[in-house]
């Protein structure tokens, strides 16, 4: 099972900004919030998200910091993480006002 130290956590936060831990059963992985570059790369690699599984695979690789490789290699863990990975890209909500 993957573990990390407080020093690693501090280092990752300094390098990546916002980071998140995803866990399932006894497996864990740490991801950073995706950048525009990460999202653009995933969109291009998934044929503009026509292949949504490929999009998530790419996003998982792009945002991966460290963790149990089962999330990338075992379908059960991969699909368990899919709904949660979507939350990594949560953004602020903008409003539009006609003037």
Protein backbone atom coordinates (compact mmCIF):
# COMPACT_ATOMS: atom_id res chain seq x y z
CA UNK A 1 0.00 0.00 0.00
CA UNK A 2 1.21 3.46 -0.97
CA UNK A 3 2.13 5.91 1.78
CA UNK A 4 3.73 9.32 1.79
CA UNK A 5 5.42 11.55 4.33
CA UNK A 6 4.54 15.06 5.44
CA UNK A 7 7.73 16.23 3.70
CA UNK A 8 6.57 14.69 0.40
CA UNK A 9 3.14 16.27 0.83
CA UNK A 10 4.69 19.69 1.43
CA UNK A 11 6.98 19.29 -1.59
CA UNK A 12 4.10 18.25 -3.85
CA UNK A 13 1.97 21.19 -2.72
CA UNK A 14 4.83 23.58 -3.48
CA UNK A 15 5.35 22.04 -6.92
CA UNK A 16 1.74 21.41 -8.02
CA UNK A 17 -0.47 23.68 -5.91
CA UNK A 18 -3.74 21.92 -5.18
CA UNK A 19 -3.38 18.19 -4.72
CA UNK A 20 -5.87 15.44 -3.90
CA UNK A 21 -5.75 11.91 -2.55
CA UNK A 22 -8.05 9.29 -4.05
CA UNK A 23 -8.51 6.04 -2.18
CA UNK A 24 -10.32 2.78 -2.81
CA UNK A 25 -10.10 -0.11 -0.38
CA UNK A 26 -6.43 -0.21 0.66
CA UNK A 27 -5.13 1.63 -2.44
CA UNK A 28 -4.30 5.35 -2.65
CA UNK A 29 -3.01 7.76 -5.23
CA UNK A 30 -2.18 11.45 -5.21
CA UNK A 31 -3.14 13.78 -8.08
CA UNK A 32 -2.77 17.46 -8.84
CA UNK A 33 -5.47 19.73 -10.17
CA UNK A 34 -5.35 19.71 -13.99
CA UNK A 35 -4.03 22.71 -15.88
CA UNK A 36 -5.26 23.98 -19.24
CA UNK A 37 -2.34 22.14 -20.81
CA UNK A 38 -3.40 18.84 -19.16
CA UNK A 39 -7.00 19.24 -20.32
CA UNK A 40 -5.96 20.24 -23.83
CA UNK A 41 -3.66 17.22 -24.10
CA UNK A 42 -6.42 14.87 -22.88
CA UNK A 43 -8.96 16.36 -25.27
CA UNK A 44 -6.61 15.99 -28.23
CA UNK A 45 -5.68 12.43 -27.27
CA UNK A 46 -9.31 11.39 -26.90
CA UNK A 47 -10.44 12.83 -30.24
CA UNK A 48 -12.11 15.80 -28.57
CA UNK A 49 -13.54 13.50 -25.87
CA UNK A 50 -15.28 11.21 -28.33
CA UNK A 51 -13.52 8.43 -26.40
CA UNK A 52 -14.35 9.35 -22.81
CA UNK A 53 -12.42 6.42 -21.31
CA UNK A 54 -9.28 7.50 -23.18
CA UNK A 55 -9.85 11.06 -21.92
CA UNK A 56 -9.92 9.85 -18.30
CA UNK A 57 -6.87 7.61 -18.85
CA UNK A 58 -4.90 10.57 -20.17
CA UNK A 59 -6.11 12.89 -17.40
CA UNK A 60 -5.13 10.28 -14.82
CA UNK A 61 -1.61 10.06 -16.27
CA UNK A 62 -1.29 13.84 -16.66
CA UNK A 63 -2.36 14.61 -13.09
CA UNK A 64 -0.71 11.61 -11.42
CA UNK A 65 1.85 12.43 -8.74
CA UNK A 66 2.35 9.09 -6.99
CA UNK A 67 0.41 6.14 -5.69
CA UNK A 68 -0.67 2.55 -6.11
CA UNK A 69 -0.44 1.66 -9.80
CA UNK A 70 -3.65 -0.37 -9.59
CA UNK A 71 -5.53 2.85 -10.37
CA UNK A 72 -3.86 2.91 -13.78
CA UNK A 73 -3.57 -0.84 -14.42
CA UNK A 74 -6.61 -2.54 -12.84
CA UNK A 75 -10.03 -1.74 -14.35
CA UNK A 76 -11.82 -2.12 -11.01
CA UNK A 77 -9.71 0.60 -9.39
CA UNK A 78 -9.62 2.71 -12.54
CA UNK A 79 -13.41 2.82 -12.85
CA UNK A 80 -13.77 3.45 -9.12
CA UNK A 81 -11.66 6.59 -9.55
CA UNK A 82 -13.39 7.87 -12.72
CA UNK A 83 -16.24 9.79 -11.03
CA UNK A 84 -13.85 11.28 -8.49
CA UNK A 85 -11.32 12.37 -11.12
CA UNK A 86 -14.00 14.60 -12.60
CA UNK A 87 -13.98 16.58 -9.38
CA UNK A 88 -10.31 17.48 -9.92
CA UNK A 89 -11.31 19.89 -12.65
CA UNK A 90 -14.01 21.70 -10.68
CA UNK A 91 -13.90 25.40 -11.38
CA UNK A 92 -15.40 28.61 -10.17
CA UNK A 93 -18.77 29.52 -11.59
CA UNK A 94 -18.98 32.58 -13.83
CA UNK A 95 -22.05 34.64 -14.54
CA UNK A 96 -23.08 36.55 -17.61
CA UNK A 97 -25.02 39.79 -17.53
CA UNK A 98 -26.38 41.57 -20.59
CA UNK A 99 -25.57 45.25 -20.53
